[in-house]
Amino acid sequence: MSASEGPSKVEFKIEESGRKLKKAEVDFMRLIEQQNLQRVQKLQRQRRNNKLTGIALGGTVLGIYLYSMLSVKQEKFLDDFEEPVKLEVENKAL
């Protein structure tokens, strides 16, 4: 299979028995489809909420990091600090 051909399609052969579905079977299929749709919507909502939570937490962490970097840059009290001059005292023996 070369790259220019693309993915091959899988063909399914459906046997037509000619039998029509009963009303109960159709109703059951609709019920299952409805439950599946609700499940998918719940998962999509949950995925969206997870993404929003991740973005909020990431933004908070980034904000705290940037704030701490900015506040460290603004600290000037150590720049003006001068080390006191040491006085040498001679010990005189009595």
Protein backbone atom coordinates (compact mmCIF):
# COMPACT_ATOMS: atom_id res chain seq x y z
CA MET A 1 0.00 0.00 0.00
CA SER A 2 1.58 3.27 -1.06
CA ALA A 3 1.14 6.59 0.69
CA SER A 4 -0.83 8.07 -2.22
CA GLU A 5 -3.61 5.50 -2.02
CA GLY A 6 -4.85 6.59 1.40
CA PRO A 7 -6.61 4.42 3.94
CA SER A 8 -8.59 1.54 2.59
CA LYS A 9 -12.29 1.37 3.27
CA VAL A 10 -13.66 -1.58 5.11
CA GLU A 11 -16.82 -2.86 3.54
CA PHE A 12 -19.38 -4.77 5.51
CA LYS A 13 -21.80 -7.08 3.89
CA ILE A 14 -25.23 -6.76 5.45
CA GLU A 15 -27.46 -9.72 5.13
CA GLU A 16 -30.96 -8.73 4.30
CA SER A 17 -33.26 -11.30 5.77
CA GLY A 18 -36.32 -9.36 4.81
CA ARG A 19 -37.54 -9.42 8.39
CA LYS A 20 -39.03 -6.18 9.64
CA LEU A 21 -38.29 -5.03 13.16
CA LYS A 22 -41.01 -5.22 15.74
CA LYS A 23 -42.23 -2.08 17.47
CA ALA A 24 -40.64 -3.19 20.76
CA GLU A 25 -37.27 -3.66 19.02
CA VAL A 26 -37.45 -0.21 17.44
CA ASP A 27 -38.43 1.36 20.76
CA PHE A 28 -35.55 -0.45 22.48
CA MET A 29 -33.12 0.82 19.83
CA ARG A 30 -34.37 4.39 20.33
CA LEU A 31 -33.98 4.04 24.10
CA ILE A 32 -30.40 2.78 23.72
CA GLU A 33 -29.57 5.58 21.27
CA GLN A 34 -30.98 8.15 23.69
CA GLN A 35 -28.98 6.72 26.61
CA ASN A 36 -25.84 6.68 24.47
CA LEU A 37 -26.40 10.32 23.45
CA GLN A 38 -26.81 11.32 27.12
CA ARG A 39 -23.63 9.43 28.04
CA VAL A 40 -21.68 11.16 25.27
CA GLN A 41 -22.98 14.58 26.29
CA LYS A 42 -22.02 13.90 29.92
CA LEU A 43 -18.50 12.89 28.87
CA GLN A 44 -18.15 15.98 26.67
CA ARG A 45 -19.28 18.21 29.55
CA GLN A 46 -16.84 16.48 31.90
CA ARG A 47 -13.98 16.85 29.39
CA ARG A 48 -14.76 20.56 28.95
CA ASN A 49 -14.84 21.08 32.74
CA ASN A 50 -11.52 19.25 33.11
CA LYS A 51 -9.93 21.47 30.46
CA LEU A 52 -11.24 24.63 32.14
CA THR A 53 -9.96 23.44 35.52
CA GLY A 54 -6.54 22.67 34.02
CA ILE A 55 -6.35 26.09 32.40
CA ALA A 56 -7.36 27.80 35.65
CA LEU A 57 -4.77 25.87 37.69
CA GLY A 58 -2.06 26.45 35.09
CA GLY A 59 -2.86 30.16 35.01
CA THR A 60 -2.71 30.35 38.78
CA VAL A 61 0.66 28.60 38.92
CA LEU A 62 2.03 30.80 36.13
CA GLY A 63 0.72 33.93 37.87
CA ILE A 64 2.32 32.99 41.19
CA TYR A 65 5.61 32.19 39.43
CA LEU A 66 5.66 35.48 37.51
CA TYR A 67 4.67 37.49 40.59
CA SER A 68 7.47 35.93 42.64
CA MET A 69 10.02 36.60 39.88
CA LEU A 70 8.87 40.22 39.60
CA SER A 71 8.95 40.82 43.35
CA VAL A 72 12.47 39.36 43.64
CA LYS A 73 13.67 41.70 40.88
CA GLN A 74 12.27 44.69 42.79
CA GLU A 75 14.09 43.95 46.02
CA LYS A 76 16.72 46.67 46.44
CA PHE A 77 17.48 46.48 50.17
CA LEU A 78 20.48 44.18 49.62
CA ASP A 79 21.96 46.46 46.97
CA ASP A 80 22.42 49.30 49.49
CA PHE A 81 23.87 47.05 52.14
CA GLU A 82 27.45 47.90 52.99
CA GLU A 83 29.49 45.52 55.04
CA PRO A 84 30.69 47.19 58.26
CA VAL A 85 34.35 47.93 58.53
CA LYS A 86 36.15 45.47 60.77
CA LEU A 87 38.28 47.03 63.45
CA GLU A 88 41.39 45.27 64.36
CA VAL A 89 41.94 45.34 68.08
CA GLU A 90 45.34 44.41 69.29
CA ASN A 91 45.35 42.13 72.22
CA LYS A 92 47.73 43.55 74.75
CA ALA A 93 49.17 41.15 77.18
CA LEU A 94 49.37 42.48 80.69
